[in-house]
Every structure is written in C-alpha cells, then in structure tokens.
Amino acid sequence: MGKRRTAVIVALILVYEAIGIGLFPDRTSADERFAMRINCPSGTLQWDADSIDHLSVAQQGDQPVLTFELGEEASGEFAELTQRSIGLTCHLYANTTLISSFVIRSPIRGGIGVVEMDAELAKKLVESYEAGRTDE
C-alpha cells in the first residue's frame, strides 16, 4: 500500500474517532475501565484511573476546563514523552474520545494538565474516571 493511501486511511480513522463514529469498540460501558491516552509522533502513553491522582472540572474565566494530576510514575513518563515531542502535535484521549490536540512547546513536568473543553463532556469524563478507580 502506498504512503499516500496509508496516510489517508490513518486520517480517516482519526476523523471518525474525533466525531464519535469510531472504528473500535466504545470503552465507556460499565465493564470497561477509564483510560487516558496521549498520542504523539514520538510515542504513546496510556494510563488507567488508578494512575491518575486527580481529575476534575474547573472554570478558567468563561471556559470550562478538565484538570488532571498524574501519579508519580505516570508523571515521569509524561515528562519524558513531552521532552521528546517538543514542536510536535499530540492528541489527548479519554477512553475513545479525542479531547484535545496541541503542539508541545516545552516539557510538561509535574504531571499536571489543564484542557479546555465542553463542560458536559468534562463532567462525563470525571464520572467515568471516578467509577473506574479501584483504590478508594
């Protein structure tokens, strides 16, 4: 298969996932656990609810935001990935939902992130996260 055809197929899969059609099973059923994933050209990381110390909805001015704080191990992995990804576009997913695409400008240390997004979607993600935690 040619490079152009492969690129078109990958782009279609990303568009389908972004608009919620998805080619893969939805991971939001009660039997599935919450997962957060970051895809960058330099690598991919995925964390379950127990690797995330905190996830909540907040307000920054008029904009609702999803805030997260990763555990120690996940925070280190995140810092390493973002160090390798400076200048690259990365995509942040919660379960199968694309919640943000962004360019890494500098390493993200400390494992804390803030993502602008729709308030209702942020609330649903927090509920899914809380339901998926096993250490409470």
C-alpha atoms as a PDB file:
ATOM      1  CA  MET A   1       0.000   0.000   0.000  1.00  0.00           C
ATOM      2  CA  GLY A   2       1.368   3.425  -0.950  1.00  0.00           C
ATOM      3  CA  LYS A   3       2.339   6.043   1.607  1.00  0.00           C
ATOM      4  CA  ARG A   4      -0.398   8.387   0.411  1.00  0.00           C
ATOM      5  CA  ARG A   5      -3.120   5.724   0.767  1.00  0.00           C
ATOM      6  CA  THR A   6      -1.855   4.814   4.246  1.00  0.00           C
ATOM      7  CA  ALA A   7      -1.897   8.481   5.285  1.00  0.00           C
ATOM      8  CA  VAL A   8      -5.463   8.881   4.018  1.00  0.00           C
ATOM      9  CA  ILE A   9      -6.630   5.781   5.914  1.00  0.00           C
ATOM     10  CA  VAL A  10      -4.981   6.972   9.143  1.00  0.00           C
ATOM     11  CA  ALA A  11      -6.525  10.442   8.706  1.00  0.00           C
ATOM     12  CA  LEU A  12      -9.991   8.917   8.197  1.00  0.00           C
ATOM     13  CA  ILE A  13      -9.654   6.777  11.328  1.00  0.00           C
ATOM     14  CA  LEU A  14      -8.666   9.874  13.364  1.00  0.00           C
ATOM     15  CA  VAL A  15     -11.586  11.879  11.949  1.00  0.00           C
ATOM     16  CA  TYR A  16     -14.048   9.045  12.630  1.00  0.00           C
ATOM     17  CA  GLU A  17     -12.826   8.735  16.234  1.00  0.00           C
ATOM     18  CA  ALA A  18     -12.907  12.523  16.712  1.00  0.00           C
ATOM     19  CA  ILE A  19     -16.556  12.773  15.635  1.00  0.00           C
ATOM     20  CA  GLY A  20     -17.578   9.769  17.681  1.00  0.00           C
ATOM     21  CA  ILE A  21     -18.123   7.202  14.951  1.00  0.00           C
ATOM     22  CA  GLY A  22     -15.032   5.208  15.907  1.00  0.00           C
ATOM     23  CA  LEU A  23     -13.913   2.014  14.240  1.00  0.00           C
ATOM     24  CA  PHE A  24     -13.096   0.364  17.518  1.00  0.00           C
ATOM     25  CA  PRO A  25     -15.419  -0.661  20.368  1.00  0.00           C
ATOM     26  CA  ASP A  26     -16.523   2.156  22.640  1.00  0.00           C
ATOM     27  CA  ARG A  27     -14.832   1.814  26.029  1.00  0.00           C
ATOM     28  CA  THR A  28     -17.498   3.547  28.054  1.00  0.00           C
ATOM     29  CA  SER A  29     -19.539   0.519  29.138  1.00  0.00           C
ATOM     30  CA  ALA A  30     -19.785  -0.295  32.825  1.00  0.00           C
ATOM     31  CA  ASP A  31     -17.408  -3.241  32.338  1.00  0.00           C
ATOM     32  CA  GLU A  32     -14.636  -1.067  30.922  1.00  0.00           C
ATOM     33  CA  ARG A  33     -12.221   0.993  32.970  1.00  0.00           C
ATOM     34  CA  PHE A  34     -11.406   4.651  32.420  1.00  0.00           C
ATOM     35  CA  ALA A  35      -8.267   5.294  30.371  1.00  0.00           C
ATOM     36  CA  MET A  36      -6.440   8.447  29.366  1.00  0.00           C
ATOM     37  CA  ARG A  37      -4.083   8.267  26.385  1.00  0.00           C
ATOM     38  CA  ILE A  38      -1.697  10.715  24.760  1.00  0.00           C
ATOM     39  CA  ASN A  39      -0.586  10.006  21.196  1.00  0.00           C
ATOM     40  CA  CYS A  40       2.456  11.837  19.868  1.00  0.00           C
ATOM     41  CA  PRO A  41       4.619  11.063  16.843  1.00  0.00           C
ATOM     42  CA  SER A  42       7.405  10.225  19.325  1.00  0.00           C
ATOM     43  CA  GLY A  43       5.314   7.740  21.326  1.00  0.00           C
ATOM     44  CA  THR A  44       2.062   6.875  23.054  1.00  0.00           C
ATOM     45  CA  LEU A  45       1.243   6.639  26.740  1.00  0.00           C
ATOM     46  CA  GLN A  46      -1.918   5.318  28.377  1.00  0.00           C
ATOM     47  CA  TRP A  47      -2.997   5.469  31.999  1.00  0.00           C
ATOM     48  CA  ASP A  48      -5.928   3.909  33.816  1.00  0.00           C
ATOM     49  CA  ALA A  49      -7.873   5.670  36.562  1.00  0.00           C
ATOM     50  CA  ASP A  50      -5.528   4.390  39.275  1.00  0.00           C
ATOM     51  CA  SER A  51      -2.520   6.080  37.596  1.00  0.00           C
ATOM     52  CA  ILE A  52      -4.260   9.450  37.738  1.00  0.00           C
ATOM     53  CA  ASP A  53      -4.260  11.048  41.177  1.00  0.00           C
ATOM     54  CA  HIS A  54      -6.883  13.683  40.404  1.00  0.00           C
ATOM     55  CA  LEU A  55      -9.329  14.570  37.618  1.00  0.00           C
ATOM     56  CA  SER A  56     -11.883  17.355  37.941  1.00  0.00           C
ATOM     57  CA  VAL A  57     -13.851  20.055  36.161  1.00  0.00           C
ATOM     58  CA  ALA A  58     -12.921  23.668  36.874  1.00  0.00           C
ATOM     59  CA  GLN A  59     -13.571  27.084  35.378  1.00  0.00           C
ATOM     60  CA  GLN A  60     -10.894  29.399  33.926  1.00  0.00           C
ATOM     61  CA  GLY A  61     -12.672  32.660  33.189  1.00  0.00           C
ATOM     62  CA  ASP A  62     -15.609  31.756  30.951  1.00  0.00           C
ATOM     63  CA  GLN A  63     -14.048  28.477  29.785  1.00  0.00           C
ATOM     64  CA  PRO A  64     -14.700  25.117  31.483  1.00  0.00           C
ATOM     65  CA  VAL A  65     -11.549  23.018  31.813  1.00  0.00           C
ATOM     66  CA  LEU A  66     -10.664  19.458  32.717  1.00  0.00           C
ATOM     67  CA  THR A  67      -7.752  19.382  35.153  1.00  0.00           C
ATOM     68  CA  PHE A  68      -5.684  16.292  35.845  1.00  0.00           C
ATOM     69  CA  GLU A  69      -2.776  15.296  38.017  1.00  0.00           C
ATOM     70  CA  LEU A  70      -0.874  12.122  37.234  1.00  0.00           C
ATOM     71  CA  GLY A  71       0.674   9.798  39.788  1.00  0.00           C
ATOM     72  CA  GLU A  72       4.459   9.781  40.259  1.00  0.00           C
ATOM     73  CA  GLU A  73       5.299   7.073  37.697  1.00  0.00           C
ATOM     74  CA  ALA A  74       2.854   8.396  35.072  1.00  0.00           C
ATOM     75  CA  SER A  75       4.136  11.933  35.664  1.00  0.00           C
ATOM     76  CA  GLY A  76       7.695  10.860  34.861  1.00  0.00           C
ATOM     77  CA  GLU A  77       6.586   9.059  31.690  1.00  0.00           C
ATOM     78  CA  PHE A  78       4.598  12.138  30.638  1.00  0.00           C
ATOM     79  CA  ALA A  79       7.610  14.437  31.173  1.00  0.00           C
ATOM     80  CA  GLU A  80       9.837  12.136  29.094  1.00  0.00           C
ATOM     81  CA  LEU A  81       7.296  11.922  26.258  1.00  0.00           C
ATOM     82  CA  THR A  82       6.745  15.671  26.156  1.00  0.00           C
ATOM     83  CA  GLN A  83      10.530  16.257  26.185  1.00  0.00           C
ATOM     84  CA  ARG A  84      10.828  14.077  23.049  1.00  0.00           C
ATOM     85  CA  SER A  85       7.785  15.762  21.463  1.00  0.00           C
ATOM     86  CA  ILE A  86       8.723  19.455  21.522  1.00  0.00           C
ATOM     87  CA  GLY A  87       7.344  21.085  18.367  1.00  0.00           C
ATOM     88  CA  LEU A  88       5.109  18.093  17.564  1.00  0.00           C
ATOM     89  CA  THR A  89       1.322  17.832  17.581  1.00  0.00           C
ATOM     90  CA  CYS A  90      -0.030  15.394  20.168  1.00  0.00           C
ATOM     91  CA  HIS A  91      -3.581  14.183  20.816  1.00  0.00           C
ATOM     92  CA  LEU A  92      -5.139  13.564  24.232  1.00  0.00           C
ATOM     93  CA  TYR A  93      -7.919  10.978  24.531  1.00  0.00           C
ATOM     94  CA  ALA A  94     -10.124   9.924  27.425  1.00  0.00           C
ATOM     95  CA  ASN A  95     -11.470   6.470  26.674  1.00  0.00           C
ATOM     96  CA  THR A  96     -12.060   6.730  22.898  1.00  0.00           C
ATOM     97  CA  THR A  97     -12.949  10.441  22.934  1.00  0.00           C
ATOM     98  CA  LEU A  98     -10.457  12.908  21.488  1.00  0.00           C
ATOM     99  CA  ILE A  99     -10.455  15.758  23.979  1.00  0.00           C
ATOM    100  CA  SER A 100      -7.569  17.881  22.733  1.00  0.00           C
ATOM    101  CA  SER A 101      -4.907  18.249  20.054  1.00  0.00           C
ATOM    102  CA  PHE A 102      -1.992  20.519  20.813  1.00  0.00           C
ATOM    103  CA  VAL A 103       1.637  21.309  19.980  1.00  0.00           C
ATOM    104  CA  ILE A 104       4.142  20.607  22.751  1.00  0.00           C
ATOM    105  CA  ARG A 105       6.089  23.844  23.365  1.00  0.00           C
ATOM    106  CA  SER A 106       8.172  22.621  26.316  1.00  0.00           C
ATOM    107  CA  PRO A 107       8.411  19.533  28.539  1.00  0.00           C
ATOM    108  CA  ILE A 108       5.420  19.172  30.852  1.00  0.00           C
ATOM    109  CA  ARG A 109       6.823  18.306  34.262  1.00  0.00           C
ATOM    110  CA  GLY A 110       4.919  17.674  37.468  1.00  0.00           C
ATOM    111  CA  GLY A 111       2.185  15.641  35.745  1.00  0.00           C
ATOM    112  CA  ILE A 112      -0.421  18.410  35.915  1.00  0.00           C
ATOM    113  CA  GLY A 113      -2.527  19.327  32.905  1.00  0.00           C
ATOM    114  CA  VAL A 114      -5.423  21.644  32.077  1.00  0.00           C
ATOM    115  CA  VAL A 115      -7.538  21.064  28.965  1.00  0.00           C
ATOM    116  CA  GLU A 116     -10.221  23.469  27.728  1.00  0.00           C
ATOM    117  CA  MET A 117     -13.354  21.553  26.765  1.00  0.00           C
ATOM    118  CA  ASP A 118     -17.123  21.323  26.863  1.00  0.00           C
ATOM    119  CA  ALA A 119     -18.399  21.280  30.459  1.00  0.00           C
ATOM    120  CA  GLU A 120     -20.816  18.358  29.921  1.00  0.00           C
ATOM    121  CA  LEU A 121     -18.134  16.174  28.332  1.00  0.00           C
ATOM    122  CA  ALA A 122     -15.709  17.048  31.144  1.00  0.00           C
ATOM    123  CA  LYS A 123     -18.313  16.037  33.750  1.00  0.00           C
ATOM    124  CA  LYS A 124     -18.927  12.703  31.974  1.00  0.00           C
ATOM    125  CA  LEU A 125     -15.193  12.003  31.883  1.00  0.00           C
ATOM    126  CA  VAL A 126     -14.845  12.738  35.600  1.00  0.00           C
ATOM    127  CA  GLU A 127     -17.765  10.386  36.356  1.00  0.00           C
ATOM    128  CA  SER A 128     -16.153   7.662  34.236  1.00  0.00           C
ATOM    129  CA  TYR A 129     -12.822   8.237  35.991  1.00  0.00           C
ATOM    130  CA  GLU A 130     -14.381   8.036  39.461  1.00  0.00           C
ATOM    131  CA  ALA A 131     -16.246   4.848  38.546  1.00  0.00           C
ATOM    132  CA  GLY A 132     -13.004   3.275  37.292  1.00  0.00           C
ATOM    133  CA  ARG A 133     -10.881   3.886  40.378  1.00  0.00           C
ATOM    134  CA  THR A 134     -10.158   0.826  42.499  1.00  0.00           C
ATOM    135  CA  ASP A 135      -8.074   2.329  45.312  1.00  0.00           C
ATOM    136  CA  GLU A 136     -10.750   4.415  47.019  1.00  0.00           C
END
